[in-house]
Amino acid sequence: MPVFKSWRRRLALRAHRQYLLGRAIRRSRRLSPVADRTAQIRRRDILLFCSFRNEKPRLPFFLDYYRKLGIGHFLVVDNDSDDGGREYTLRQPDCSVWTTRDSYREARFGMDWMNRLLRRHGSGHWCLTVDPDEFLVYPHCDTRPLRALTDWLDASAIRSFSAMLLDMYPKGAIGAQPYAEGANPFDIACWFDPAGYAIRKNGKFGNLWIQGGPRGRVFFPDNPEESPALNKIPLVRWKRSYAYVSSTHMALPRSLNLVYDENGGEKVSGCLLHAKFLSTFIQKSAEELDRGQHYAGSQEYRAYQSGLQDNADLWCPESRRLQDWRQLEELGLISAGNWA
């Protein structure tokens, strides 16, 4: 019976993956290329995939941050921005840009677009899929480029790299310190929760499911199980047959999600510093709640708006000020594993 169940599960997951890939191809027909520079992509380039809407203030720092890490090309989808974000990316010679007016929700919150671009352009490359407010930190990132990490992963026959989403926030009300376009968001949002995270294993997909942090503590105190997931698998050595299932929380085939060691050791992992909670978030939250394009009827954004009306301050006496990746390793939030 266990063998039969395992075989049946593999068939079901394979069928689900084929469904996701087919869906991505169908939904992406409404993507319009406005600057297809993918002919510039070199064989060993690390690629970044991203979708956004009205994120222009974040884009200059975001692009420069990842250029410094070693990203070779950016493949971005603009979802009908009207703040100049699309025009900004069009002026960047290392960006290929697509645009669409289609529903973010009906595109599985943008993942149909990402799966299609990953399938078409990412195969054979290490691909980083992130939002404009997510910034990868990994062991030795202050002295080693991302290429050093991916070369080590290749040499170790590791195909995917996990990074916990670490919510960053200011001390005081979220809107108290204005964020200026192009500025380092962590000059303002420089605090995080060092503990208070719940972790469980997803039996179907095999990934870890992490919740908690300031969003669970402040916006979902009575329903912590409804707080946003913090587990991510953003960096993958992509193949055409791969697909993301739900954001970058999990992928198929299932083996891509086995980014932890169940035998007492630790696998190398990182963090995505999450710079959501800046002054710009107040307007953004109201806009996204009105659009109703997010998961579970925008439940998350309803919680945000309720908290923001109370002039939310995410800081608490246990909050830690961000120092460097070594601090995060000491707290057990990232791991160097065997990568010395």
C-alpha atoms as a PDB file:
ATOM      1  CA  MET A   1       0.000   0.000   0.000  1.00  0.00           C
ATOM      2  CA  PRO A   2       2.741   2.585   0.799  1.00  0.00           C
ATOM      3  CA  VAL A   3       4.364   1.872  -2.589  1.00  0.00           C
ATOM      4  CA  PHE A   4       1.025   2.305  -4.343  1.00  0.00           C
ATOM      5  CA  LYS A   5       0.335   5.578  -2.528  1.00  0.00           C
ATOM      6  CA  SER A   6       3.788   6.904  -3.407  1.00  0.00           C
ATOM      7  CA  TRP A   7       3.312   5.980  -7.080  1.00  0.00           C
ATOM      8  CA  ARG A   8      -0.145   7.584  -7.148  1.00  0.00           C
ATOM      9  CA  ARG A   9       1.191  10.761  -5.534  1.00  0.00           C
ATOM     10  CA  ARG A  10       3.996  11.029  -8.077  1.00  0.00           C
ATOM     11  CA  LEU A  11       1.509  10.711 -10.928  1.00  0.00           C
ATOM     12  CA  ALA A  12      -0.772  13.333  -9.372  1.00  0.00           C
ATOM     13  CA  LEU A  13       2.073  15.795  -8.884  1.00  0.00           C
ATOM     14  CA  ARG A  14       3.343  15.215 -12.412  1.00  0.00           C
ATOM     15  CA  ALA A  15      -0.152  15.899 -13.773  1.00  0.00           C
ATOM     16  CA  HIS A  16      -0.390  19.033 -11.655  1.00  0.00           C
ATOM     17  CA  ARG A  17       2.950  20.250 -12.999  1.00  0.00           C
ATOM     18  CA  GLN A  18       1.809  19.713 -16.574  1.00  0.00           C
ATOM     19  CA  TYR A  19      -1.363  21.627 -15.795  1.00  0.00           C
ATOM     20  CA  LEU A  20       0.636  24.559 -14.417  1.00  0.00           C
ATOM     21  CA  LEU A  21       2.924  24.663 -17.441  1.00  0.00           C
ATOM     22  CA  GLY A  22       0.006  24.490 -19.859  1.00  0.00           C
ATOM     23  CA  ARG A  23      -1.820  27.188 -17.941  1.00  0.00           C
ATOM     24  CA  ALA A  24       1.264  29.405 -18.004  1.00  0.00           C
ATOM     25  CA  ILE A  25       1.518  29.097 -21.778  1.00  0.00           C
ATOM     26  CA  ARG A  26      -2.157  29.978 -22.237  1.00  0.00           C
ATOM     27  CA  ARG A  27      -2.197  32.894 -19.792  1.00  0.00           C
ATOM     28  CA  SER A  28       1.040  34.377 -21.085  1.00  0.00           C
ATOM     29  CA  ARG A  29      -0.399  35.000 -24.543  1.00  0.00           C
ATOM     30  CA  ARG A  30      -1.520  38.364 -23.218  1.00  0.00           C
ATOM     31  CA  LEU A  31       2.038  39.333 -22.283  1.00  0.00           C
ATOM     32  CA  SER A  32       3.295  41.988 -24.697  1.00  0.00           C
ATOM     33  CA  PRO A  33       7.074  42.325 -25.095  1.00  0.00           C
ATOM     34  CA  VAL A  34       8.054  45.989 -25.069  1.00  0.00           C
ATOM     35  CA  ALA A  35      11.814  45.483 -24.765  1.00  0.00           C
ATOM     36  CA  ASP A  36      12.975  41.947 -25.509  1.00  0.00           C
ATOM     37  CA  ARG A  37      16.730  42.018 -24.970  1.00  0.00           C
ATOM     38  CA  THR A  38      17.043  38.317 -24.160  1.00  0.00           C
ATOM     39  CA  ALA A  39      19.443  37.840 -27.083  1.00  0.00           C
ATOM     40  CA  GLN A  40      22.012  39.487 -24.797  1.00  0.00           C
ATOM     41  CA  ILE A  41      21.780  36.659 -22.238  1.00  0.00           C
ATOM     42  CA  ARG A  42      25.029  34.719 -21.981  1.00  0.00           C
ATOM     43  CA  ARG A  43      25.305  31.020 -21.239  1.00  0.00           C
ATOM     44  CA  ARG A  44      26.425  31.417 -17.615  1.00  0.00           C
ATOM     45  CA  ASP A  45      24.345  34.452 -16.688  1.00  0.00           C
ATOM     46  CA  ILE A  46      22.320  34.322 -13.494  1.00  0.00           C
ATOM     47  CA  LEU A  47      18.857  35.646 -14.330  1.00  0.00           C
ATOM     48  CA  LEU A  48      16.323  37.512 -12.203  1.00  0.00           C
ATOM     49  CA  PHE A  49      12.573  37.246 -12.826  1.00  0.00           C
ATOM     50  CA  CYS A  50      10.109  39.713 -11.340  1.00  0.00           C
ATOM     51  CA  SER A  51       6.604  41.134 -11.784  1.00  0.00           C
ATOM     52  CA  PHE A  52       5.507  44.485 -10.436  1.00  0.00           C
ATOM     53  CA  ARG A  53       2.858  47.185 -10.469  1.00  0.00           C
ATOM     54  CA  ASN A  54       3.530  50.787  -9.435  1.00  0.00           C
ATOM     55  CA  GLU A  55       6.883  50.114  -7.767  1.00  0.00           C
ATOM     56  CA  LYS A  56       8.987  52.856  -9.370  1.00  0.00           C
ATOM     57  CA  PRO A  57      10.378  54.256  -6.064  1.00  0.00           C
ATOM     58  CA  ARG A  58      11.877  50.827  -5.288  1.00  0.00           C
ATOM     59  CA  LEU A  59      13.297  49.939  -8.691  1.00  0.00           C
ATOM     60  CA  PRO A  60      16.592  51.927  -8.740  1.00  0.00           C
ATOM     61  CA  PHE A  61      17.897  50.402  -5.505  1.00  0.00           C
ATOM     62  CA  PHE A  62      16.452  46.974  -6.345  1.00  0.00           C
ATOM     63  CA  LEU A  63      18.201  46.750  -9.712  1.00  0.00           C
ATOM     64  CA  ASP A  64      21.506  48.107  -8.402  1.00  0.00           C
ATOM     65  CA  TYR A  65      21.453  45.735  -5.421  1.00  0.00           C
ATOM     66  CA  TYR A  66      21.143  42.694  -7.648  1.00  0.00           C
ATOM     67  CA  ARG A  67      23.598  43.962 -10.242  1.00  0.00           C
ATOM     68  CA  LYS A  68      26.172  44.155  -7.457  1.00  0.00           C
ATOM     69  CA  LEU A  69      25.370  40.567  -6.426  1.00  0.00           C
ATOM     70  CA  GLY A  70      26.017  39.423  -9.986  1.00  0.00           C
ATOM     71  CA  ILE A  71      22.684  39.213 -11.823  1.00  0.00           C
ATOM     72  CA  GLY A  72      23.377  39.181 -15.561  1.00  0.00           C
ATOM     73  CA  HIS A  73      19.908  40.003 -16.888  1.00  0.00           C
ATOM     74  CA  PHE A  74      16.490  41.032 -15.536  1.00  0.00           C
ATOM     75  CA  LEU A  75      13.241  39.698 -17.022  1.00  0.00           C
ATOM     76  CA  VAL A  76      10.346  41.760 -15.675  1.00  0.00           C
ATOM     77  CA  VAL A  77       6.592  41.908 -16.179  1.00  0.00           C
ATOM     78  CA  ASP A  78       4.868  45.236 -15.650  1.00  0.00           C
ATOM     79  CA  ASN A  79       1.229  44.765 -14.660  1.00  0.00           C
ATOM     80  CA  ASP A  80      -0.212  48.025 -16.025  1.00  0.00           C
ATOM     81  CA  SER A  81       1.797  50.496 -13.932  1.00  0.00           C
ATOM     82  CA  ASP A  82       0.940  54.179 -14.176  1.00  0.00           C
ATOM     83  CA  ASP A  83       3.765  55.578 -12.022  1.00  0.00           C
ATOM     84  CA  GLY A  84       6.588  55.452 -14.582  1.00  0.00           C
ATOM     85  CA  GLY A  85       7.986  52.105 -13.441  1.00  0.00           C
ATOM     86  CA  ARG A  86       7.652  50.499 -16.856  1.00  0.00           C
ATOM     87  CA  GLU A  87       9.355  53.450 -18.533  1.00  0.00           C
ATOM     88  CA  TYR A  88      12.186  53.272 -15.990  1.00  0.00           C
ATOM     89  CA  THR A  89      12.895  49.598 -16.706  1.00  0.00           C
ATOM     90  CA  LEU A  90      12.748  50.257 -20.464  1.00  0.00           C
ATOM     91  CA  ARG A  91      15.724  52.602 -20.055  1.00  0.00           C
ATOM     92  CA  GLN A  92      17.811  49.879 -18.385  1.00  0.00           C
ATOM     93  CA  PRO A  93      19.959  48.038 -20.953  1.00  0.00           C
ATOM     94  CA  ASP A  94      20.051  44.826 -18.885  1.00  0.00           C
ATOM     95  CA  CYS A  95      16.252  44.553 -18.570  1.00  0.00           C
ATOM     96  CA  SER A  96      13.835  42.718 -20.833  1.00  0.00           C
ATOM     97  CA  VAL A  97      10.330  44.024 -20.234  1.00  0.00           C
ATOM     98  CA  TRP A  98       6.864  42.604 -20.866  1.00  0.00           C
ATOM     99  CA  THR A  99       3.594  44.296 -20.004  1.00  0.00           C
ATOM    100  CA  THR A 100       0.027  43.135 -19.437  1.00  0.00           C
ATOM    101  CA  ARG A 101      -3.274  44.544 -18.245  1.00  0.00           C
ATOM    102  CA  ASP A 102      -4.574  41.111 -17.282  1.00  0.00           C
ATOM    103  CA  SER A 103      -5.712  40.254 -13.778  1.00  0.00           C
ATOM    104  CA  TYR A 104      -2.889  39.524 -11.353  1.00  0.00           C
ATOM    105  CA  ARG A 105      -5.217  37.239  -9.415  1.00  0.00           C
ATOM    106  CA  GLU A 106      -6.331  35.262 -12.463  1.00  0.00           C
ATOM    107  CA  ALA A 107      -2.672  34.776 -13.436  1.00  0.00           C
ATOM    108  CA  ARG A 108      -2.220  32.955 -10.106  1.00  0.00           C
ATOM    109  CA  PHE A 109      -0.854  36.135  -8.568  1.00  0.00           C
ATOM    110  CA  GLY A 110       1.667  36.553 -11.358  1.00  0.00           C
ATOM    111  CA  MET A 111       3.089  33.041 -11.236  1.00  0.00           C
ATOM    112  CA  ASP A 112       1.654  32.067 -14.635  1.00  0.00           C
ATOM    113  CA  TRP A 113       3.720  34.897 -16.128  1.00  0.00           C
ATOM    114  CA  MET A 114       6.826  33.877 -14.220  1.00  0.00           C
ATOM    115  CA  ASN A 115       6.496  30.182 -15.102  1.00  0.00           C
ATOM    116  CA  ARG A 116       6.173  31.040 -18.777  1.00  0.00           C
ATOM    117  CA  LEU A 117       9.242  33.308 -18.842  1.00  0.00           C
ATOM    118  CA  LEU A 118      11.240  30.834 -16.763  1.00  0.00           C
ATOM    119  CA  ARG A 119      10.343  28.017 -19.145  1.00  0.00           C
ATOM    120  CA  ARG A 120      11.194  30.041 -22.232  1.00  0.00           C
ATOM    121  CA  HIS A 121      14.318  31.886 -21.091  1.00  0.00           C
ATOM    122  CA  GLY A 122      15.511  30.352 -17.815  1.00  0.00           C
ATOM    123  CA  SER A 123      16.297  26.768 -18.763  1.00  0.00           C
ATOM    124  CA  GLY A 124      19.944  25.945 -18.047  1.00  0.00           C
ATOM    125  CA  HIS A 125      20.438  29.063 -15.905  1.00  0.00           C
ATOM    126  CA  TRP A 126      20.380  29.738 -12.203  1.00  0.00           C
ATOM    127  CA  CYS A 127      17.205  31.825 -11.872  1.00  0.00           C
ATOM    128  CA  LEU A 128      16.262  34.097  -8.989  1.00  0.00           C
ATOM    129  CA  THR A 129      12.539  34.908  -8.749  1.00  0.00           C
ATOM    130  CA  VAL A 130      11.748  37.723  -6.320  1.00  0.00           C
ATOM    131  CA  ASP A 131       9.464  40.712  -5.747  1.00  0.00           C
ATOM    132  CA  PRO A 132      10.800  44.310  -5.848  1.00  0.00           C
ATOM    133  CA  ASP A 133      10.781  44.438  -2.039  1.00  0.00           C
ATOM    134  CA  GLU A 134      12.805  41.230  -1.531  1.00  0.00           C
ATOM    135  CA  PHE A 135      16.599  41.302  -1.176  1.00  0.00           C
ATOM    136  CA  LEU A 136      18.638  38.103  -1.023  1.00  0.00           C
ATOM    137  CA  VAL A 137      21.212  37.666   1.723  1.00  0.00           C
ATOM    138  CA  TYR A 138      23.291  34.484   1.871  1.00  0.00           C
ATOM    139  CA  PRO A 139      26.395  33.324   3.764  1.00  0.00           C
ATOM    140  CA  HIS A 140      29.524  35.278   2.745  1.00  0.00           C
ATOM    141  CA  CYS A 141      27.480  37.664   0.559  1.00  0.00           C
ATOM    142  CA  ASP A 142      29.711  40.528   1.714  1.00  0.00           C
ATOM    143  CA  THR A 143      32.781  38.920   0.125  1.00  0.00           C
ATOM    144  CA  ARG A 144      31.500  36.387  -2.424  1.00  0.00           C
ATOM    145  CA  PRO A 145      29.303  37.135  -5.456  1.00  0.00           C
ATOM    146  CA  LEU A 146      26.206  35.108  -6.198  1.00  0.00           C
ATOM    147  CA  ARG A 147      28.204  33.237  -8.850  1.00  0.00           C
ATOM    148  CA  ALA A 148      30.383  31.753  -6.089  1.00  0.00           C
ATOM    149  CA  LEU A 149      27.289  30.359  -4.393  1.00  0.00           C
ATOM    150  CA  THR A 150      25.767  28.927  -7.583  1.00  0.00           C
ATOM    151  CA  ASP A 151      29.113  27.385  -8.608  1.00  0.00           C
ATOM    152  CA  TRP A 152      29.289  25.660  -5.220  1.00  0.00           C
ATOM    153  CA  LEU A 153      25.680  24.489  -5.537  1.00  0.00           C
ATOM    154  CA  ASP A 154      26.474  23.076  -8.981  1.00  0.00           C
ATOM    155  CA  ALA A 155      29.555  21.293  -7.655  1.00  0.00           C
ATOM    156  CA  SER A 156      27.449  19.860  -4.816  1.00  0.00           C
ATOM    157  CA  ALA A 157      24.672  18.699  -7.178  1.00  0.00           C
ATOM    158  CA  ILE A 158      22.172  20.989  -5.424  1.00  0.00           C
ATOM    159  CA  ARG A 159      19.460  22.382  -7.703  1.00  0.00           C
ATOM    160  CA  SER A 160      17.587  24.772  -5.404  1.00  0.00           C
ATOM    161  CA  PHE A 161      18.361  27.226  -2.617  1.00  0.00           C
ATOM    162  CA  SER A 162      15.948  28.281   0.127  1.00  0.00           C
ATOM    163  CA  ALA A 163      15.661  31.686   1.749  1.00  0.00           C
ATOM    164  CA  MET A 164      13.321  32.558   4.603  1.00  0.00           C
ATOM    165  CA  LEU A 165      11.406  35.794   4.083  1.00  0.00           C
ATOM    166  CA  LEU A 166      12.523  38.069   6.918  1.00  0.00           C
ATOM    167  CA  ASP A 167      10.193  41.017   7.460  1.00  0.00           C
ATOM    168  CA  MET A 168      12.119  44.226   8.119  1.00  0.00           C
ATOM    169  CA  TYR A 169      10.521  47.273   9.738  1.00  0.00           C
ATOM    170  CA  PRO A 170      11.323  50.685  11.238  1.00  0.00           C
ATOM    171  CA  LYS A 171      11.167  51.665  14.882  1.00  0.00           C
ATOM    172  CA  GLY A 172       8.009  53.696  15.308  1.00  0.00           C
ATOM    173  CA  ALA A 173       5.004  54.160  13.064  1.00  0.00           C
ATOM    174  CA  ILE A 174       5.485  52.781   9.555  1.00  0.00           C
ATOM    175  CA  GLY A 175       4.696  56.119   7.941  1.00  0.00           C
ATOM    176  CA  ALA A 176       6.836  58.270  10.221  1.00  0.00           C
ATOM    177  CA  GLN A 177      10.008  58.186   8.092  1.00  0.00           C
ATOM    178  CA  PRO A 178       9.425  59.028   4.409  1.00  0.00           C
ATOM    179  CA  TYR A 179      11.106  56.761   1.906  1.00  0.00           C
ATOM    180  CA  ALA A 180      12.880  58.563  -0.947  1.00  0.00           C
ATOM    181  CA  GLU A 181      13.070  56.969  -4.383  1.00  0.00           C
ATOM    182  CA  GLY A 182      16.284  55.002  -4.881  1.00  0.00           C
ATOM    183  CA  ALA A 183      17.299  55.088  -1.208  1.00  0.00           C
ATOM    184  CA  ASN A 184      18.457  52.032   0.713  1.00  0.00           C
ATOM    185  CA  PRO A 185      15.236  50.800   2.393  1.00  0.00           C
ATOM    186  CA  PHE A 186      17.224  49.236   5.227  1.00  0.00           C
ATOM    187  CA  ASP A 187      18.411  52.631   6.383  1.00  0.00           C
ATOM    188  CA  ILE A 188      14.806  52.929   7.628  1.00  0.00           C
ATOM    189  CA  ALA A 189      13.489  49.368   7.923  1.00  0.00           C
ATOM    190  CA  CYS A 190      16.477  48.004   9.839  1.00  0.00           C
ATOM    191  CA  TRP A 191      14.733  45.931  12.562  1.00  0.00           C
ATOM    192  CA  PHE A 192      13.487  42.330  12.535  1.00  0.00           C
ATOM    193  CA  ASP A 193      12.091  39.612  14.807  1.00  0.00           C
ATOM    194  CA  PRO A 194      14.879  37.199  15.839  1.00  0.00           C
ATOM    195  CA  ALA A 195      12.449  34.471  16.967  1.00  0.00           C
ATOM    196  CA  GLY A 196       8.772  33.607  17.173  1.00  0.00           C
ATOM    197  CA  TYR A 197       8.453  31.541  13.991  1.00  0.00           C
ATOM    198  CA  ALA A 198       6.370  28.383  13.564  1.00  0.00           C
ATOM    199  CA  ILE A 199       7.633  25.698  11.173  1.00  0.00           C
ATOM    200  CA  ARG A 200       5.850  22.616   9.887  1.00  0.00           C
ATOM    201  CA  LYS A 201       6.285  20.270   6.970  1.00  0.00           C
ATOM    202  CA  ASN A 202       3.924  20.250   4.008  1.00  0.00           C
ATOM    203  CA  GLY A 203       3.204  16.571   3.459  1.00  0.00           C
ATOM    204  CA  LYS A 204       2.062  16.929  -0.142  1.00  0.00           C
ATOM    205  CA  PHE A 205       4.878  19.033  -1.577  1.00  0.00           C
ATOM    206  CA  GLY A 206       7.599  18.262   0.974  1.00  0.00           C
ATOM    207  CA  ASN A 207       8.517  21.886   1.664  1.00  0.00           C
ATOM    208  CA  LEU A 208       8.713  23.571   5.041  1.00  0.00           C
ATOM    209  CA  TRP A 209       5.927  26.039   5.863  1.00  0.00           C
ATOM    210  CA  ILE A 210       7.084  28.975   8.023  1.00  0.00           C
ATOM    211  CA  GLN A 211       4.848  31.616   9.614  1.00  0.00           C
ATOM    212  CA  GLY A 212       5.155  34.278  12.268  1.00  0.00           C
ATOM    213  CA  GLY A 213       7.367  37.308  12.669  1.00  0.00           C
ATOM    214  CA  PRO A 214       5.971  40.832  12.935  1.00  0.00           C
ATOM    215  CA  ARG A 215       3.088  40.201  10.532  1.00  0.00           C
ATOM    216  CA  GLY A 216       1.864  37.264  12.577  1.00  0.00           C
ATOM    217  CA  ARG A 217       2.502  39.138  15.815  1.00  0.00           C
ATOM    218  CA  VAL A 218       0.795  42.440  14.885  1.00  0.00           C
ATOM    219  CA  PHE A 219      -1.662  41.812  12.052  1.00  0.00           C
ATOM    220  CA  PHE A 220      -2.757  38.219  12.786  1.00  0.00           C
ATOM    221  CA  PRO A 221      -2.459  37.868  16.581  1.00  0.00           C
ATOM    222  CA  ASP A 222      -5.763  35.992  16.892  1.00  0.00           C
ATOM    223  CA  ASN A 223      -5.307  33.827  13.785  1.00  0.00           C
ATOM    224  CA  PRO A 224      -1.577  33.114  13.431  1.00  0.00           C
ATOM    225  CA  GLU A 225      -2.296  30.189  11.116  1.00  0.00           C
ATOM    226  CA  GLU A 226      -3.661  32.718   8.581  1.00  0.00           C
ATOM    227  CA  SER A 227      -0.524  34.867   8.589  1.00  0.00           C
ATOM    228  CA  PRO A 228       1.559  34.955   5.383  1.00  0.00           C
ATOM    229  CA  ALA A 229       3.980  32.154   4.570  1.00  0.00           C
ATOM    230  CA  LEU A 230       7.647  33.073   4.987  1.00  0.00           C
ATOM    231  CA  ASN A 231       9.263  30.044   3.311  1.00  0.00           C
ATOM    232  CA  LYS A 232      10.724  30.689  -0.148  1.00  0.00           C
ATOM    233  CA  ILE A 233      12.738  28.772  -2.734  1.00  0.00           C
ATOM    234  CA  PRO A 234      13.733  31.738  -4.898  1.00  0.00           C
ATOM    235  CA  LEU A 235      16.941  30.433  -6.505  1.00  0.00           C
ATOM    236  CA  VAL A 236      16.739  27.394  -8.796  1.00  0.00           C
ATOM    237  CA  ARG A 237      18.887  25.855 -11.525  1.00  0.00           C
ATOM    238  CA  TRP A 238      15.950  25.927 -13.922  1.00  0.00           C
ATOM    239  CA  LYS A 239      14.716  23.354 -16.419  1.00  0.00           C
ATOM    240  CA  ARG A 240      11.847  23.693 -18.871  1.00  0.00           C
ATOM    241  CA  SER A 241       9.872  21.041 -17.022  1.00  0.00           C
ATOM    242  CA  TYR A 242       9.923  22.916 -13.683  1.00  0.00           C
ATOM    243  CA  ALA A 243       7.084  25.079 -12.333  1.00  0.00           C
ATOM    244  CA  TYR A 244       6.359  27.174  -9.276  1.00  0.00           C
ATOM    245  CA  VAL A 245       3.156  26.127  -7.516  1.00  0.00           C
ATOM    246  CA  SER A 246       2.349  28.967  -5.105  1.00  0.00           C
ATOM    247  CA  SER A 247       4.495  32.084  -5.368  1.00  0.00           C
ATOM    248  CA  THR A 248       8.020  30.783  -4.734  1.00  0.00           C
ATOM    249  CA  HIS A 249       6.872  28.910  -1.616  1.00  0.00           C
ATOM    250  CA  MET A 250       7.120  25.570  -3.400  1.00  0.00           C
ATOM    251  CA  ALA A 251       7.904  24.162  -6.803  1.00  0.00           C
ATOM    252  CA  LEU A 252       7.543  21.008  -8.855  1.00  0.00           C
ATOM    253  CA  PRO A 253       9.115  18.515  -9.151  1.00  0.00           C
ATOM    254  CA  ARG A 254       8.790  17.913  -5.442  1.00  0.00           C
ATOM    255  CA  SER A 255      12.526  17.279  -5.008  1.00  0.00           C
ATOM    256  CA  LEU A 256      13.204  21.015  -5.468  1.00  0.00           C
ATOM    257  CA  ASN A 257      11.480  21.623  -2.134  1.00  0.00           C
ATOM    258  CA  LEU A 258      13.778  19.341  -0.099  1.00  0.00           C
ATOM    259  CA  VAL A 259      16.088  22.174   0.933  1.00  0.00           C
ATOM    260  CA  TYR A 260      16.541  21.056   4.542  1.00  0.00           C
ATOM    261  CA  ASP A 261      18.290  18.182   6.297  1.00  0.00           C
ATOM    262  CA  GLU A 262      16.131  15.807   8.321  1.00  0.00           C
ATOM    263  CA  ASN A 263      19.135  13.896   9.687  1.00  0.00           C
ATOM    264  CA  GLY A 264      20.347  16.502  12.159  1.00  0.00           C
ATOM    265  CA  GLY A 265      22.587  18.531   9.861  1.00  0.00           C
ATOM    266  CA  GLU A 266      22.025  21.849   8.132  1.00  0.00           C
ATOM    267  CA  LYS A 267      21.876  22.693   4.444  1.00  0.00           C
ATOM    268  CA  VAL A 268      23.059  26.048   3.187  1.00  0.00           C
ATOM    269  CA  SER A 269      20.269  28.650   3.165  1.00  0.00           C
ATOM    270  CA  GLY A 270      19.696  32.385   3.092  1.00  0.00           C
ATOM    271  CA  CYS A 271      17.167  35.101   3.825  1.00  0.00           C
ATOM    272  CA  LEU A 272      15.130  37.431   1.696  1.00  0.00           C
ATOM    273  CA  LEU A 273      15.117  40.734   3.542  1.00  0.00           C
ATOM    274  CA  HIS A 274      11.552  41.966   3.047  1.00  0.00           C
ATOM    275  CA  ALA A 275      11.335  45.749   2.754  1.00  0.00           C
ATOM    276  CA  LYS A 276       7.546  45.950   2.545  1.00  0.00           C
ATOM    277  CA  PHE A 277       7.018  48.152   5.583  1.00  0.00           C
ATOM    278  CA  LEU A 278       8.095  51.605   4.425  1.00  0.00           C
ATOM    279  CA  SER A 279       6.066  54.816   4.289  1.00  0.00           C
ATOM    280  CA  THR A 280       5.044  53.964   0.703  1.00  0.00           C
ATOM    281  CA  PHE A 281       3.259  50.873   2.018  1.00  0.00           C
ATOM    282  CA  ILE A 282       0.360  52.887   3.440  1.00  0.00           C
ATOM    283  CA  GLN A 283      -0.817  54.077   0.037  1.00  0.00           C
ATOM    284  CA  LYS A 284       0.138  50.775  -1.597  1.00  0.00           C
ATOM    285  CA  SER A 285      -1.918  48.782   0.896  1.00  0.00           C
ATOM    286  CA  ALA A 286      -5.020  50.905   0.291  1.00  0.00           C
ATOM    287  CA  GLU A 287      -4.575  50.592  -3.475  1.00  0.00           C
ATOM    288  CA  GLU A 288      -4.160  46.804  -3.397  1.00  0.00           C
ATOM    289  CA  LEU A 289      -7.125  46.361  -1.062  1.00  0.00           C
ATOM    290  CA  ASP A 290      -9.265  48.363  -3.473  1.00  0.00           C
ATOM    291  CA  ARG A 291      -8.052  46.304  -6.465  1.00  0.00           C
ATOM    292  CA  GLY A 292      -8.807  42.997  -4.722  1.00  0.00           C
ATOM    293  CA  GLN A 293      -6.142  41.127  -6.690  1.00  0.00           C
ATOM    294  CA  HIS A 294      -4.469  39.227  -3.856  1.00  0.00           C
ATOM    295  CA  TYR A 295      -4.812  35.820  -2.260  1.00  0.00           C
ATOM    296  CA  ALA A 296      -7.950  34.800  -0.303  1.00  0.00           C
ATOM    297  CA  GLY A 297      -9.935  37.882  -1.239  1.00  0.00           C
ATOM    298  CA  SER A 298      -7.069  40.171  -0.168  1.00  0.00           C
ATOM    299  CA  GLN A 299      -7.406  38.927   3.415  1.00  0.00           C
ATOM    300  CA  GLU A 300      -3.803  39.900   4.090  1.00  0.00           C
ATOM    301  CA  TYR A 301      -4.370  43.475   2.938  1.00  0.00           C
ATOM    302  CA  ARG A 302      -7.551  43.811   4.966  1.00  0.00           C
ATOM    303  CA  ALA A 303      -5.492  42.934   8.040  1.00  0.00           C
ATOM    304  CA  TYR A 304      -2.866  45.492   7.039  1.00  0.00           C
ATOM    305  CA  GLN A 305      -5.419  48.256   6.609  1.00  0.00           C
ATOM    306  CA  SER A 306      -6.960  47.505   9.982  1.00  0.00           C
ATOM    307  CA  GLY A 307      -3.549  47.698  11.642  1.00  0.00           C
ATOM    308  CA  LEU A 308      -2.492  50.800   9.735  1.00  0.00           C
ATOM    309  CA  GLN A 309      -5.573  52.638  10.918  1.00  0.00           C
ATOM    310  CA  ASP A 310      -4.184  52.154  14.410  1.00  0.00           C
ATOM    311  CA  ASN A 311      -0.861  53.718  13.310  1.00  0.00           C
ATOM    312  CA  ALA A 312       0.896  50.354  13.465  1.00  0.00           C
ATOM    313  CA  ASP A 313       4.345  50.125  15.041  1.00  0.00           C
ATOM    314  CA  LEU A 314       5.946  46.717  14.440  1.00  0.00           C
ATOM    315  CA  TRP A 315       8.873  47.322  16.787  1.00  0.00           C
ATOM    316  CA  CYS A 316       8.929  45.559  20.156  1.00  0.00           C
ATOM    317  CA  PRO A 317      11.532  45.180  22.929  1.00  0.00           C
ATOM    318  CA  GLU A 318      12.704  41.868  21.443  1.00  0.00           C
ATOM    319  CA  SER A 319      13.378  43.403  18.011  1.00  0.00           C
ATOM    320  CA  ARG A 320      16.954  43.200  16.707  1.00  0.00           C
ATOM    321  CA  ARG A 321      18.731  45.735  14.534  1.00  0.00           C
ATOM    322  CA  LEU A 322      20.201  44.196  11.377  1.00  0.00           C
ATOM    323  CA  GLN A 323      23.988  43.927  11.305  1.00  0.00           C
ATOM    324  CA  ASP A 324      25.152  41.378   8.728  1.00  0.00           C
ATOM    325  CA  TRP A 325      24.729  37.794   7.532  1.00  0.00           C
ATOM    326  CA  ARG A 326      26.809  36.481  10.433  1.00  0.00           C
ATOM    327  CA  GLN A 327      24.253  37.821  12.895  1.00  0.00           C
ATOM    328  CA  LEU A 328      21.507  36.013  10.981  1.00  0.00           C
ATOM    329  CA  GLU A 329      23.527  32.788  11.052  1.00  0.00           C
ATOM    330  CA  GLU A 330      24.082  33.063  14.804  1.00  0.00           C
ATOM    331  CA  LEU A 331      20.315  33.405  15.247  1.00  0.00           C
ATOM    332  CA  GLY A 332      19.693  30.330  13.080  1.00  0.00           C
ATOM    333  CA  LEU A 333      17.868  32.265  10.361  1.00  0.00           C
ATOM    334  CA  ILE A 334      20.391  31.344   7.656  1.00  0.00           C
ATOM    335  CA  SER A 335      22.998  28.600   7.455  1.00  0.00           C
ATOM    336  CA  ALA A 336      26.376  28.261   5.755  1.00  0.00           C
ATOM    337  CA  GLY A 337      25.999  24.474   5.930  1.00  0.00           C
ATOM    338  CA  ASN A 338      29.064  22.859   4.336  1.00  0.00           C
ATOM    339  CA  TRP A 339      29.926  25.976   2.334  1.00  0.00           C
ATOM    340  CA  ALA A 340      32.939  27.167   4.279  1.00  0.00           C
END
